[in-house]
Amino acid sequence: MSTKRFIAIAGNIGSGKTTLTQMLSEHYQWEPHYEVVQENPYLADFYKDMPRWSLQLQVYFLSKRFQAHQKITSSHSSGIQDRSIYEDAHIFAKALCKSGIMERRDYENYYELYQTMTQFLTPPDVVVYVRRNLHSLKERIALRGREYEKGISDDYLKLLNDCYDDWIRTYSHGKTLTIHADELDPKHTKEHFQYICEKIENSLEQPDLTFVC
């Protein structure tokens, strides 16, 4: 690619955003930046005791995504990020506060930190929101079999989906592209992946972008 691009892949737990990030990075030769999960020292504790670890978890994610965001914008190469820094505040921390898991004062303190940090960031060229309904999310979460995700409730997943829908409607930093993915399986169906690629290319206004696969 002759033009540097920054793509962010957004989506709920189990939406398939990490798989899509990997596939797109290989397809377009974009440098991938994945969400820190296995190395996260708070995630397992969080799912066992959400009120106790909610603030620590969100600050950890905020720090790591800020670092990844800066690395992408300072690089000479195009990059793709698995979940954006904006989701930390507008989806996950917000949902924790709304559900009473995170104290209001903690959320307000966290959100002020988020606003300060994002003032120094250049937004992505496009945010791709991979949206799935509750049934689809639950199926995919069950299939990957992560022990710490077994306790995620339907209410929590639905709340996250609601927060995502509110956020994507009001996102004002740049372009967004919503992919309704309930009937899509880009990992196993080539046509589905090509469909998503075409949508992204159109969003980036690069009709001359060539396919690698």
N, C-alpha and C. Protein backbone atom coordinates (compact mmCIF):
# COMPACT_ATOMS: atom_id res chain seq x y z
N MET A 1 0.83 -1.20 0.00
CA MET A 1 0.00 0.00 0.00
C MET A 1 0.86 1.24 0.00
N SER A 2 0.48 2.20 -0.80
CA SER A 2 1.26 3.42 -0.90
C SER A 2 0.88 4.42 0.18
N THR A 3 -0.28 4.24 0.80
CA THR A 3 -0.75 5.14 1.83
C THR A 3 -0.82 4.41 3.16
N LYS A 4 -0.26 5.02 4.19
CA LYS A 4 -0.33 4.42 5.51
C LYS A 4 -1.76 4.49 6.03
N ARG A 5 -2.21 3.39 6.64
CA ARG A 5 -3.56 3.32 7.19
C ARG A 5 -3.53 2.83 8.63
N PHE A 6 -4.52 3.29 9.38
CA PHE A 6 -4.72 2.84 10.76
C PHE A 6 -6.17 2.38 10.88
N ILE A 7 -6.35 1.08 11.09
CA ILE A 7 -7.67 0.49 11.20
C ILE A 7 -7.85 -0.04 12.62
N ALA A 8 -9.00 0.23 13.23
CA ALA A 8 -9.33 -0.33 14.54
C ALA A 8 -10.53 -1.26 14.39
N ILE A 9 -10.42 -2.46 14.95
CA ILE A 9 -11.50 -3.43 14.91
C ILE A 9 -12.17 -3.45 16.28
N ALA A 10 -13.44 -3.08 16.30
CA ALA A 10 -14.20 -2.98 17.55
C ALA A 10 -15.22 -4.12 17.63
N GLY A 11 -15.54 -4.54 18.86
CA GLY A 11 -16.55 -5.57 18.99
C GLY A 11 -16.63 -6.15 20.39
N ASN A 12 -17.79 -6.69 20.69
CA ASN A 12 -18.07 -7.30 21.98
C ASN A 12 -17.24 -8.55 22.20
N ILE A 13 -17.26 -9.08 23.40
CA ILE A 13 -16.61 -10.34 23.73
C ILE A 13 -17.22 -11.44 22.85
N GLY A 14 -16.37 -12.15 22.11
CA GLY A 14 -16.85 -13.23 21.28
C GLY A 14 -17.34 -12.81 19.91
N SER A 15 -17.13 -11.57 19.52
CA SER A 15 -17.63 -11.08 18.24
C SER A 15 -16.81 -11.56 17.05
N GLY A 16 -15.58 -11.99 17.30
CA GLY A 16 -14.70 -12.43 16.22
C GLY A 16 -13.73 -11.36 15.76
N LYS A 17 -13.57 -10.32 16.54
CA LYS A 17 -12.72 -9.21 16.13
C LYS A 17 -11.24 -9.59 16.07
N THR A 18 -10.79 -10.46 16.98
CA THR A 18 -9.38 -10.86 16.98
C THR A 18 -9.05 -11.70 15.75
N THR A 19 -9.93 -12.64 15.41
CA THR A 19 -9.74 -13.45 14.21
C THR A 19 -9.74 -12.56 12.97
N LEU A 20 -10.67 -11.60 12.92
CA LEU A 20 -10.73 -10.69 11.77
C LEU A 20 -9.48 -9.82 11.71
N THR A 21 -9.00 -9.36 12.85
CA THR A 21 -7.77 -8.57 12.88
C THR A 21 -6.61 -9.35 12.28
N GLN A 22 -6.48 -10.61 12.67
CA GLN A 22 -5.40 -11.45 12.15
C GLN A 22 -5.53 -11.64 10.64
N MET A 23 -6.74 -11.94 10.18
CA MET A 23 -6.95 -12.19 8.75
C MET A 23 -6.68 -10.94 7.92
N LEU A 24 -7.15 -9.80 8.38
CA LEU A 24 -6.93 -8.55 7.64
C LEU A 24 -5.46 -8.16 7.64
N SER A 25 -4.78 -8.38 8.76
CA SER A 25 -3.35 -8.03 8.82
C SER A 25 -2.55 -8.85 7.81
N GLU A 26 -2.90 -10.13 7.68
CA GLU A 26 -2.21 -10.99 6.72
C GLU A 26 -2.60 -10.64 5.29
N HIS A 27 -3.85 -10.31 5.09
CA HIS A 27 -4.38 -10.02 3.76
C HIS A 27 -3.78 -8.75 3.17
N TYR A 28 -3.68 -7.71 3.99
CA TYR A 28 -3.20 -6.41 3.51
C TYR A 28 -1.77 -6.09 3.95
N GLN A 29 -1.16 -7.01 4.71
CA GLN A 29 0.19 -6.77 5.24
C GLN A 29 0.21 -5.57 6.19
N TRP A 30 -0.84 -5.44 6.98
CA TRP A 30 -0.89 -4.43 8.03
C TRP A 30 -0.29 -5.02 9.31
N GLU A 31 0.44 -4.21 10.05
CA GLU A 31 1.02 -4.70 11.31
C GLU A 31 -0.09 -4.83 12.37
N PRO A 32 -0.27 -6.04 12.93
CA PRO A 32 -1.35 -6.23 13.91
C PRO A 32 -0.94 -5.85 15.33
N HIS A 33 -1.89 -5.34 16.07
CA HIS A 33 -1.69 -5.02 17.49
C HIS A 33 -2.88 -5.61 18.24
N TYR A 34 -2.60 -6.70 18.97
CA TYR A 34 -3.68 -7.46 19.59
C TYR A 34 -3.95 -7.03 21.02
N GLU A 35 -5.18 -7.28 21.43
CA GLU A 35 -5.57 -7.02 22.81
C GLU A 35 -4.77 -7.95 23.73
N VAL A 36 -4.27 -7.41 24.83
CA VAL A 36 -3.50 -8.20 25.78
C VAL A 36 -4.47 -8.99 26.65
N VAL A 37 -4.49 -10.32 26.46
CA VAL A 37 -5.42 -11.18 27.21
C VAL A 37 -4.65 -12.16 28.08
N GLN A 38 -3.87 -13.03 27.45
CA GLN A 38 -3.17 -14.07 28.20
C GLN A 38 -2.21 -13.49 29.22
N GLU A 39 -1.57 -12.34 28.88
CA GLU A 39 -0.59 -11.75 29.78
C GLU A 39 -1.22 -10.81 30.80
N ASN A 40 -2.53 -10.64 30.71
CA ASN A 40 -3.22 -9.69 31.59
C ASN A 40 -3.26 -10.25 33.02
N PRO A 41 -2.64 -9.56 33.99
CA PRO A 41 -2.58 -10.10 35.35
C PRO A 41 -3.86 -9.93 36.14
N TYR A 42 -4.86 -9.22 35.58
CA TYR A 42 -6.08 -8.94 36.32
C TYR A 42 -7.32 -9.68 35.80
N LEU A 43 -7.27 -10.22 34.59
CA LEU A 43 -8.47 -10.69 33.94
C LEU A 43 -9.15 -11.84 34.69
N ALA A 44 -8.40 -12.87 35.05
CA ALA A 44 -8.99 -14.00 35.77
C ALA A 44 -9.57 -13.56 37.11
N ASP A 45 -8.84 -12.72 37.84
CA ASP A 45 -9.34 -12.21 39.12
C ASP A 45 -10.60 -11.38 38.92
N PHE A 46 -10.63 -10.61 37.84
CA PHE A 46 -11.80 -9.76 37.56
C PHE A 46 -13.06 -10.59 37.40
N TYR A 47 -12.99 -11.67 36.66
CA TYR A 47 -14.18 -12.49 36.44
C TYR A 47 -14.62 -13.23 37.70
N LYS A 48 -13.71 -13.39 38.66
CA LYS A 48 -14.07 -14.01 39.93
C LYS A 48 -14.66 -12.99 40.90
N ASP A 49 -14.19 -11.75 40.83
CA ASP A 49 -14.65 -10.70 41.76
C ASP A 49 -14.61 -9.37 41.04
N MET A 50 -15.64 -9.08 40.26
CA MET A 50 -15.65 -7.89 39.41
C MET A 50 -15.54 -6.57 40.17
N PRO A 51 -16.30 -6.37 41.26
CA PRO A 51 -16.19 -5.09 41.97
C PRO A 51 -14.78 -4.82 42.49
N ARG A 52 -14.11 -5.86 42.96
CA ARG A 52 -12.77 -5.69 43.54
C ARG A 52 -11.74 -5.29 42.49
N TRP A 53 -11.84 -5.83 41.28
CA TRP A 53 -10.78 -5.67 40.30
C TRP A 53 -11.16 -4.83 39.08
N SER A 54 -12.33 -4.26 39.07
CA SER A 54 -12.80 -3.55 37.87
C SER A 54 -11.92 -2.35 37.49
N LEU A 55 -11.59 -1.52 38.46
CA LEU A 55 -10.79 -0.33 38.16
C LEU A 55 -9.38 -0.72 37.70
N GLN A 56 -8.77 -1.66 38.41
CA GLN A 56 -7.42 -2.09 38.05
C GLN A 56 -7.39 -2.67 36.63
N LEU A 57 -8.39 -3.46 36.31
CA LEU A 57 -8.46 -4.06 34.97
C LEU A 57 -8.57 -2.99 33.90
N GLN A 58 -9.45 -2.01 34.11
CA GLN A 58 -9.68 -0.99 33.09
C GLN A 58 -8.47 -0.07 32.93
N VAL A 59 -7.79 0.24 34.00
CA VAL A 59 -6.58 1.06 33.90
C VAL A 59 -5.49 0.31 33.15
N TYR A 60 -5.39 -0.99 33.38
CA TYR A 60 -4.42 -1.81 32.67
C TYR A 60 -4.69 -1.80 31.16
N PHE A 61 -5.95 -2.04 30.78
CA PHE A 61 -6.32 -2.02 29.37
C PHE A 61 -6.08 -0.64 28.76
N LEU A 62 -6.43 0.40 29.49
CA LEU A 62 -6.25 1.76 28.99
C LEU A 62 -4.78 2.04 28.69
N SER A 63 -3.92 1.64 29.58
CA SER A 63 -2.48 1.85 29.40
C SER A 63 -1.96 1.09 28.18
N LYS A 64 -2.31 -0.18 28.07
CA LYS A 64 -1.81 -1.00 26.97
C LYS A 64 -2.33 -0.52 25.62
N ARG A 65 -3.61 -0.12 25.57
CA ARG A 65 -4.16 0.33 24.29
C ARG A 65 -3.62 1.72 23.90
N PHE A 66 -3.35 2.54 24.88
CA PHE A 66 -2.72 3.84 24.60
C PHE A 66 -1.34 3.62 23.98
N GLN A 67 -0.57 2.69 24.53
CA GLN A 67 0.76 2.39 24.00
C GLN A 67 0.67 1.85 22.57
N ALA A 68 -0.29 0.94 22.33
CA ALA A 68 -0.45 0.38 20.99
C ALA A 68 -0.88 1.44 19.99
N HIS A 69 -1.79 2.31 20.41
CA HIS A 69 -2.28 3.38 19.54
C HIS A 69 -1.13 4.31 19.14
N GLN A 70 -0.32 4.69 20.10
CA GLN A 70 0.82 5.55 19.81
C GLN A 70 1.83 4.86 18.89
N LYS A 71 2.03 3.58 19.10
CA LYS A 71 2.98 2.83 18.27
C LYS A 71 2.52 2.80 16.82
N ILE A 72 1.22 2.64 16.60
CA ILE A 72 0.68 2.60 15.24
C ILE A 72 0.84 3.95 14.57
N THR A 73 0.48 5.02 15.26
CA THR A 73 0.51 6.35 14.63
C THR A 73 1.94 6.84 14.40
N SER A 74 2.89 6.37 15.19
CA SER A 74 4.27 6.80 15.02
C SER A 74 5.04 5.94 14.02
N SER A 75 4.46 4.80 13.64
CA SER A 75 5.11 3.89 12.70
C SER A 75 4.96 4.38 11.27
N HIS A 76 5.88 3.96 10.41
CA HIS A 76 5.78 4.27 8.98
C HIS A 76 4.90 3.26 8.25
N SER A 77 4.55 2.17 8.94
CA SER A 77 3.75 1.11 8.33
C SER A 77 2.29 1.23 8.75
N SER A 78 1.40 0.68 7.93
CA SER A 78 -0.01 0.62 8.29
C SER A 78 -0.20 -0.36 9.44
N GLY A 79 -1.19 -0.08 10.28
CA GLY A 79 -1.44 -0.93 11.44
C GLY A 79 -2.91 -1.19 11.64
N ILE A 80 -3.21 -2.31 12.29
CA ILE A 80 -4.59 -2.66 12.62
C ILE A 80 -4.62 -3.07 14.08
N GLN A 81 -5.58 -2.50 14.82
CA GLN A 81 -5.63 -2.70 16.27
C GLN A 81 -6.87 -3.51 16.66
N ASP A 82 -6.63 -4.53 17.46
CA ASP A 82 -7.69 -5.37 18.01
C ASP A 82 -8.28 -4.67 19.23
N ARG A 83 -9.41 -4.01 19.02
CA ARG A 83 -10.14 -3.19 19.99
C ARG A 83 -9.42 -1.85 20.24
N SER A 84 -10.20 -0.78 20.22
CA SER A 84 -9.66 0.57 20.32
C SER A 84 -9.68 1.08 21.76
N ILE A 85 -8.92 2.13 22.00
CA ILE A 85 -8.90 2.74 23.32
C ILE A 85 -10.25 3.36 23.67
N TYR A 86 -11.02 3.76 22.65
CA TYR A 86 -12.31 4.40 22.90
C TYR A 86 -13.31 3.44 23.53
N GLU A 87 -13.17 2.16 23.20
CA GLU A 87 -14.08 1.16 23.77
C GLU A 87 -13.86 0.97 25.26
N ASP A 88 -12.64 1.16 25.71
CA ASP A 88 -12.36 1.00 27.13
C ASP A 88 -13.27 1.88 27.98
N ALA A 89 -13.38 3.14 27.61
CA ALA A 89 -14.15 4.09 28.41
C ALA A 89 -15.64 4.04 28.10
N HIS A 90 -15.98 4.00 26.80
CA HIS A 90 -17.37 4.14 26.39
C HIS A 90 -18.15 2.84 26.43
N ILE A 91 -17.45 1.71 26.53
CA ILE A 91 -18.15 0.43 26.58
C ILE A 91 -17.93 -0.26 27.92
N PHE A 92 -16.71 -0.68 28.18
CA PHE A 92 -16.47 -1.58 29.30
C PHE A 92 -16.50 -0.87 30.65
N ALA A 93 -15.80 0.23 30.79
CA ALA A 93 -15.85 0.95 32.06
C ALA A 93 -17.26 1.51 32.30
N LYS A 94 -17.88 2.00 31.25
CA LYS A 94 -19.25 2.52 31.36
C LYS A 94 -20.22 1.44 31.80
N ALA A 95 -20.11 0.26 31.20
CA ALA A 95 -21.00 -0.85 31.55
C ALA A 95 -20.79 -1.29 33.00
N LEU A 96 -19.53 -1.31 33.42
CA LEU A 96 -19.24 -1.68 34.81
C LEU A 96 -19.86 -0.68 35.79
N CYS A 97 -19.82 0.59 35.43
CA CYS A 97 -20.41 1.62 36.28
C CYS A 97 -21.94 1.52 36.28
N LYS A 98 -22.53 1.35 35.10
CA LYS A 98 -23.98 1.29 34.99
C LYS A 98 -24.56 0.07 35.72
N SER A 99 -23.79 -1.00 35.75
CA SER A 99 -24.27 -2.21 36.42
C SER A 99 -23.95 -2.22 37.91
N GLY A 100 -23.28 -1.18 38.40
CA GLY A 100 -22.98 -1.08 39.82
C GLY A 100 -21.73 -1.84 40.24
N ILE A 101 -20.98 -2.37 39.28
CA ILE A 101 -19.77 -3.12 39.60
C ILE A 101 -18.62 -2.17 39.92
N MET A 102 -18.50 -1.10 39.16
CA MET A 102 -17.49 -0.07 39.44
C MET A 102 -18.17 1.12 40.10
N GLU A 103 -17.56 1.63 41.14
CA GLU A 103 -18.12 2.79 41.83
C GLU A 103 -18.10 4.02 40.92
N ARG A 104 -19.11 4.87 41.09
CA ARG A 104 -19.23 6.07 40.27
C ARG A 104 -17.98 6.93 40.38
N ARG A 105 -17.44 7.10 41.56
CA ARG A 105 -16.25 7.95 41.74
C ARG A 105 -15.04 7.35 41.02
N ASP A 106 -14.94 6.02 41.01
CA ASP A 106 -13.85 5.38 40.29
C ASP A 106 -14.00 5.59 38.79
N TYR A 107 -15.23 5.46 38.29
CA TYR A 107 -15.46 5.64 36.87
C TYR A 107 -15.16 7.08 36.45
N GLU A 108 -15.60 8.05 37.23
CA GLU A 108 -15.35 9.45 36.90
C GLU A 108 -13.86 9.76 36.90
N ASN A 109 -13.13 9.21 37.86
CA ASN A 109 -11.69 9.40 37.92
C ASN A 109 -11.03 8.75 36.70
N TYR A 110 -11.47 7.54 36.37
CA TYR A 110 -10.96 6.82 35.21
C TYR A 110 -11.26 7.57 33.92
N TYR A 111 -12.49 8.06 33.78
CA TYR A 111 -12.89 8.73 32.55
C TYR A 111 -12.12 10.03 32.34
N GLU A 112 -11.82 10.72 33.42
CA GLU A 112 -11.01 11.94 33.32
C GLU A 112 -9.61 11.60 32.82
N LEU A 113 -9.05 10.51 33.31
CA LEU A 113 -7.74 10.06 32.84
C LEU A 113 -7.81 9.70 31.35
N TYR A 114 -8.85 9.00 30.95
CA TYR A 114 -9.06 8.62 29.54
C TYR A 114 -9.13 9.86 28.65
N GLN A 115 -9.89 10.87 29.06
CA GLN A 115 -10.01 12.08 28.25
C GLN A 115 -8.68 12.80 28.10
N THR A 116 -7.91 12.84 29.17
CA THR A 116 -6.59 13.47 29.11
C THR A 116 -5.67 12.74 28.14
N MET A 117 -5.69 11.41 28.20
CA MET A 117 -4.81 10.61 27.35
C MET A 117 -5.19 10.71 25.88
N THR A 118 -6.47 10.65 25.58
CA THR A 118 -6.90 10.63 24.18
C THR A 118 -6.72 11.98 23.48
N GLN A 119 -6.52 13.05 24.22
CA GLN A 119 -6.22 14.34 23.61
C GLN A 119 -4.91 14.30 22.82
N PHE A 120 -4.04 13.35 23.17
CA PHE A 120 -2.73 13.26 22.53
C PHE A 120 -2.70 12.23 21.41
N LEU A 121 -3.86 11.68 21.02
CA LEU A 121 -3.90 10.62 20.03
C LEU A 121 -4.54 11.07 18.72
N THR A 122 -4.00 10.57 17.62
CA THR A 122 -4.59 10.74 16.30
C THR A 122 -5.55 9.58 16.06
N PRO A 123 -6.82 9.82 15.77
CA PRO A 123 -7.80 8.73 15.63
C PRO A 123 -7.50 7.81 14.45
N PRO A 124 -8.05 6.60 14.45
CA PRO A 124 -7.89 5.69 13.31
C PRO A 124 -8.56 6.26 12.06
N ASP A 125 -8.14 5.76 10.89
CA ASP A 125 -8.79 6.14 9.64
C ASP A 125 -10.23 5.64 9.59
N VAL A 126 -10.44 4.46 10.16
CA VAL A 126 -11.80 3.92 10.24
C VAL A 126 -11.87 2.93 11.41
N VAL A 127 -12.99 2.97 12.11
CA VAL A 127 -13.29 1.99 13.15
C VAL A 127 -14.29 1.00 12.57
N VAL A 128 -13.92 -0.27 12.52
CA VAL A 128 -14.80 -1.32 12.00
C VAL A 128 -15.46 -2.02 13.20
N TYR A 129 -16.76 -1.87 13.31
CA TYR A 129 -17.51 -2.45 14.42
C TYR A 129 -18.12 -3.77 13.98
N VAL A 130 -17.65 -4.87 14.56
CA VAL A 130 -18.18 -6.20 14.26
C VAL A 130 -19.31 -6.48 15.25
N ARG A 131 -20.55 -6.41 14.76
CA ARG A 131 -21.70 -6.56 15.66
C ARG A 131 -22.34 -7.93 15.53
N ARG A 132 -22.58 -8.57 16.67
CA ARG A 132 -23.30 -9.84 16.72
C ARG A 132 -24.37 -9.78 17.81
N ASN A 133 -25.44 -10.53 17.62
CA ASN A 133 -26.49 -10.56 18.63
C ASN A 133 -26.08 -11.47 19.79
N LEU A 134 -26.89 -11.47 20.83
CA LEU A 134 -26.54 -12.19 22.05
C LEU A 134 -26.36 -13.69 21.80
N HIS A 135 -27.23 -14.28 21.03
CA HIS A 135 -27.14 -15.72 20.76
C HIS A 135 -25.83 -16.07 20.06
N SER A 136 -25.47 -15.29 19.08
CA SER A 136 -24.23 -15.52 18.34
C SER A 136 -23.01 -15.36 19.24
N LEU A 137 -23.01 -14.34 20.09
CA LEU A 137 -21.90 -14.12 21.01
C LEU A 137 -21.73 -15.30 21.96
N LYS A 138 -22.85 -15.79 22.52
CA LYS A 138 -22.79 -16.90 23.47
C LYS A 138 -22.25 -18.17 22.82
N GLU A 139 -22.67 -18.44 21.60
CA GLU A 139 -22.19 -19.62 20.89
C GLU A 139 -20.67 -19.55 20.69
N ARG A 140 -20.19 -18.40 20.28
CA ARG A 140 -18.77 -18.25 19.99
C ARG A 140 -17.93 -18.30 21.27
N ILE A 141 -18.43 -17.72 22.34
CA ILE A 141 -17.73 -17.76 23.62
C ILE A 141 -17.62 -19.20 24.11
N ALA A 142 -18.71 -19.97 23.98
CA ALA A 142 -18.71 -21.37 24.41
C ALA A 142 -17.73 -22.20 23.59
N LEU A 143 -17.65 -21.93 22.30
CA LEU A 143 -16.77 -22.70 21.42
C LEU A 143 -15.29 -22.52 21.76
N ARG A 144 -14.91 -21.30 22.18
CA ARG A 144 -13.48 -21.09 22.45
C ARG A 144 -13.10 -21.57 23.85
N GLY A 145 -14.07 -21.80 24.73
CA GLY A 145 -13.84 -22.53 25.97
C GLY A 145 -12.88 -21.94 26.97
N ARG A 146 -12.84 -20.63 27.05
CA ARG A 146 -11.96 -20.02 28.05
C ARG A 146 -12.61 -20.10 29.42
N GLU A 147 -11.88 -20.64 30.38
CA GLU A 147 -12.45 -20.90 31.70
C GLU A 147 -12.98 -19.64 32.36
N TYR A 148 -12.22 -18.54 32.27
CA TYR A 148 -12.61 -17.32 32.96
C TYR A 148 -13.80 -16.63 32.31
N GLU A 149 -14.21 -17.07 31.10
CA GLU A 149 -15.37 -16.47 30.44
C GLU A 149 -16.68 -17.21 30.71
N LYS A 150 -16.60 -18.35 31.40
CA LYS A 150 -17.80 -19.16 31.62
C LYS A 150 -18.83 -18.46 32.50
N GLY A 151 -18.38 -17.54 33.33
CA GLY A 151 -19.30 -16.86 34.23
C GLY A 151 -19.91 -15.59 33.68
N ILE A 152 -19.62 -15.26 32.44
CA ILE A 152 -20.18 -14.03 31.86
C ILE A 152 -21.69 -14.20 31.66
N SER A 153 -22.45 -13.30 32.22
CA SER A 153 -23.91 -13.43 32.16
C SER A 153 -24.47 -12.86 30.87
N ASP A 154 -25.69 -13.32 30.54
CA ASP A 154 -26.39 -12.78 29.37
C ASP A 154 -26.64 -11.28 29.54
N ASP A 155 -26.99 -10.88 30.75
CA ASP A 155 -27.29 -9.47 31.01
C ASP A 155 -26.07 -8.59 30.76
N TYR A 156 -24.89 -9.10 31.14
CA TYR A 156 -23.67 -8.33 30.94
C TYR A 156 -23.35 -8.20 29.46
N LEU A 157 -23.48 -9.29 28.71
CA LEU A 157 -23.23 -9.23 27.27
C LEU A 157 -24.21 -8.30 26.57
N LYS A 158 -25.48 -8.35 26.99
CA LYS A 158 -26.49 -7.47 26.38
C LYS A 158 -26.19 -6.01 26.71
N LEU A 159 -25.78 -5.74 27.94
CA LEU A 159 -25.42 -4.38 28.33
C LEU A 159 -24.26 -3.87 27.48
N LEU A 160 -23.27 -4.72 27.24
CA LEU A 160 -22.14 -4.33 26.41
C LEU A 160 -22.61 -4.02 24.99
N ASN A 161 -23.48 -4.85 24.45
CA ASN A 161 -24.02 -4.60 23.11
C ASN A 161 -24.75 -3.26 23.05
N ASP A 162 -25.52 -2.97 24.07
CA ASP A 162 -26.25 -1.69 24.12
C ASP A 162 -25.27 -0.52 24.16
N CYS A 163 -24.22 -0.66 24.96
CA CYS A 163 -23.21 0.40 25.04
C CYS A 163 -22.49 0.58 23.71
N TYR A 164 -22.21 -0.53 23.03
CA TYR A 164 -21.58 -0.45 21.71
C TYR A 164 -22.47 0.29 20.73
N ASP A 165 -23.75 -0.04 20.71
CA ASP A 165 -24.67 0.60 19.77
C ASP A 165 -24.77 2.10 20.04
N ASP A 166 -24.82 2.47 21.32
CA ASP A 166 -24.86 3.90 21.67
C ASP A 166 -23.57 4.60 21.25
N TRP A 167 -22.45 3.94 21.49
CA TRP A 167 -21.15 4.55 21.19
C TRP A 167 -20.95 4.75 19.70
N ILE A 168 -21.26 3.72 18.92
CA ILE A 168 -20.98 3.82 17.48
C ILE A 168 -21.87 4.87 16.83
N ARG A 169 -23.06 5.10 17.37
CA ARG A 169 -23.95 6.15 16.83
C ARG A 169 -23.41 7.55 17.09
N THR A 170 -22.67 7.70 18.17
CA THR A 170 -22.21 9.03 18.57
C THR A 170 -20.71 9.24 18.36
N TYR A 171 -20.01 8.24 17.83
CA TYR A 171 -18.57 8.36 17.60
C TYR A 171 -18.30 9.51 16.63
N SER A 172 -17.41 10.42 17.03
CA SER A 172 -17.21 11.65 16.26
C SER A 172 -15.75 11.88 15.87
N HIS A 173 -14.90 10.89 16.10
CA HIS A 173 -13.47 11.08 15.82
C HIS A 173 -13.11 10.78 14.36
N GLY A 174 -14.00 10.11 13.64
CA GLY A 174 -13.69 9.75 12.26
C GLY A 174 -14.71 8.78 11.71
N LYS A 175 -14.30 8.02 10.68
CA LYS A 175 -15.20 7.10 10.00
C LYS A 175 -15.47 5.86 10.84
N THR A 176 -16.68 5.31 10.66
CA THR A 176 -17.01 4.02 11.24
C THR A 176 -17.63 3.13 10.18
N LEU A 177 -17.48 1.84 10.35
CA LEU A 177 -18.10 0.85 9.47
C LEU A 177 -18.66 -0.25 10.35
N THR A 178 -19.96 -0.45 10.31
CA THR A 178 -20.60 -1.50 11.10
C THR A 178 -20.82 -2.73 10.23
N ILE A 179 -20.30 -3.86 10.68
CA ILE A 179 -20.48 -5.13 10.00
C ILE A 179 -21.44 -5.98 10.83
N HIS A 180 -22.64 -6.22 10.31
CA HIS A 180 -23.59 -7.10 10.99
C HIS A 180 -23.19 -8.54 10.68
N ALA A 181 -22.57 -9.19 11.67
CA ALA A 181 -21.83 -10.43 11.41
C ALA A 181 -22.54 -11.70 11.85
N ASP A 182 -23.80 -11.63 12.26
CA ASP A 182 -24.48 -12.83 12.75
C ASP A 182 -24.47 -13.96 11.74
N GLU A 183 -24.61 -13.64 10.49
CA GLU A 183 -24.65 -14.67 9.44
C GLU A 183 -23.33 -14.79 8.69
N LEU A 184 -22.28 -14.16 9.21
CA LEU A 184 -20.99 -14.19 8.53
C LEU A 184 -19.98 -15.07 9.28
N ASP A 185 -19.18 -15.79 8.52
CA ASP A 185 -18.11 -16.61 9.07
C ASP A 185 -16.87 -16.40 8.20
N PRO A 186 -16.21 -15.25 8.36
CA PRO A 186 -15.07 -14.93 7.48
C PRO A 186 -13.91 -15.89 7.60
N LYS A 187 -13.79 -16.58 8.73
CA LYS A 187 -12.67 -17.51 8.92
C LYS A 187 -12.80 -18.73 8.01
N HIS A 188 -14.02 -19.20 7.80
CA HIS A 188 -14.23 -20.43 7.05
C HIS A 188 -14.90 -20.22 5.69
N THR A 189 -15.37 -19.01 5.42
CA THR A 189 -16.06 -18.75 4.16
C THR A 189 -15.39 -17.58 3.46
N LYS A 190 -14.71 -17.90 2.36
CA LYS A 190 -13.92 -16.90 1.64
C LYS A 190 -14.77 -15.72 1.19
N GLU A 191 -16.00 -16.01 0.72
CA GLU A 191 -16.87 -14.94 0.22
C GLU A 191 -17.22 -13.95 1.32
N HIS A 192 -17.39 -14.44 2.53
CA HIS A 192 -17.71 -13.55 3.65
C HIS A 192 -16.54 -12.63 3.95
N PHE A 193 -15.33 -13.18 3.91
CA PHE A 193 -14.16 -12.35 4.15
C PHE A 193 -13.98 -11.32 3.05
N GLN A 194 -14.19 -11.72 1.82
CA GLN A 194 -14.08 -10.78 0.71
C GLN A 194 -15.12 -9.66 0.83
N TYR A 195 -16.29 -10.01 1.28
CA TYR A 195 -17.35 -9.01 1.49
C TYR A 195 -16.89 -7.96 2.50
N ILE A 196 -16.30 -8.40 3.60
CA ILE A 196 -15.82 -7.47 4.62
C ILE A 196 -14.68 -6.61 4.06
N CYS A 197 -13.78 -7.22 3.32
CA CYS A 197 -12.68 -6.46 2.71
C CYS A 197 -13.20 -5.37 1.79
N GLU A 198 -14.19 -5.70 0.99
CA GLU A 198 -14.76 -4.72 0.07
C GLU A 198 -15.38 -3.55 0.82
N LYS A 199 -16.06 -3.86 1.92
CA LYS A 199 -16.67 -2.80 2.72
C LYS A 199 -15.61 -1.88 3.31
N ILE A 200 -14.52 -2.46 3.78
CA ILE A 200 -13.45 -1.65 4.36
C ILE A 200 -12.78 -0.80 3.29
N GLU A 201 -12.53 -1.39 2.15
CA GLU A 201 -11.91 -0.64 1.05
C GLU A 201 -12.78 0.54 0.63
N ASN A 202 -14.07 0.29 0.52
CA ASN A 202 -14.98 1.39 0.15
C ASN A 202 -14.97 2.48 1.21
N SER A 203 -14.89 2.08 2.46
CA SER A 203 -14.87 3.05 3.54
C SER A 203 -13.60 3.89 3.50
N LEU A 204 -12.50 3.27 3.12
CA LEU A 204 -11.23 3.98 3.02
C LEU A 204 -11.09 4.75 1.72
N GLU A 205 -12.07 4.57 0.83
CA GLU A 205 -12.06 5.27 -0.47
C GLU A 205 -10.80 4.96 -1.25
N GLN A 206 -10.49 3.67 -1.29
CA GLN A 206 -9.35 3.19 -2.06
C GLN A 206 -9.80 2.08 -3.00
N PRO A 207 -10.50 2.39 -4.06
CA PRO A 207 -11.00 1.36 -4.96
C PRO A 207 -9.90 0.62 -5.70
N ASP A 208 -8.67 1.17 -5.72
CA ASP A 208 -7.59 0.52 -6.44
C ASP A 208 -6.77 -0.42 -5.57
N LEU A 209 -7.20 -0.61 -4.31
CA LEU A 209 -6.49 -1.50 -3.39
C LEU A 209 -6.58 -2.93 -3.92
N THR A 210 -5.47 -3.60 -4.07
CA THR A 210 -5.46 -4.95 -4.63
C THR A 210 -5.53 -6.00 -3.54
N PHE A 211 -6.10 -7.14 -3.89
CA PHE A 211 -6.18 -8.26 -2.96
C PHE A 211 -4.88 -9.02 -2.93
N VAL A 212 -4.56 -9.54 -1.75
CA VAL A 212 -3.37 -10.37 -1.61
C VAL A 212 -3.74 -11.84 -1.80
N CYS A 213 -4.91 -12.24 -1.29
CA CYS A 213 -5.31 -13.64 -1.40
C CYS A 213 -6.01 -13.90 -2.72
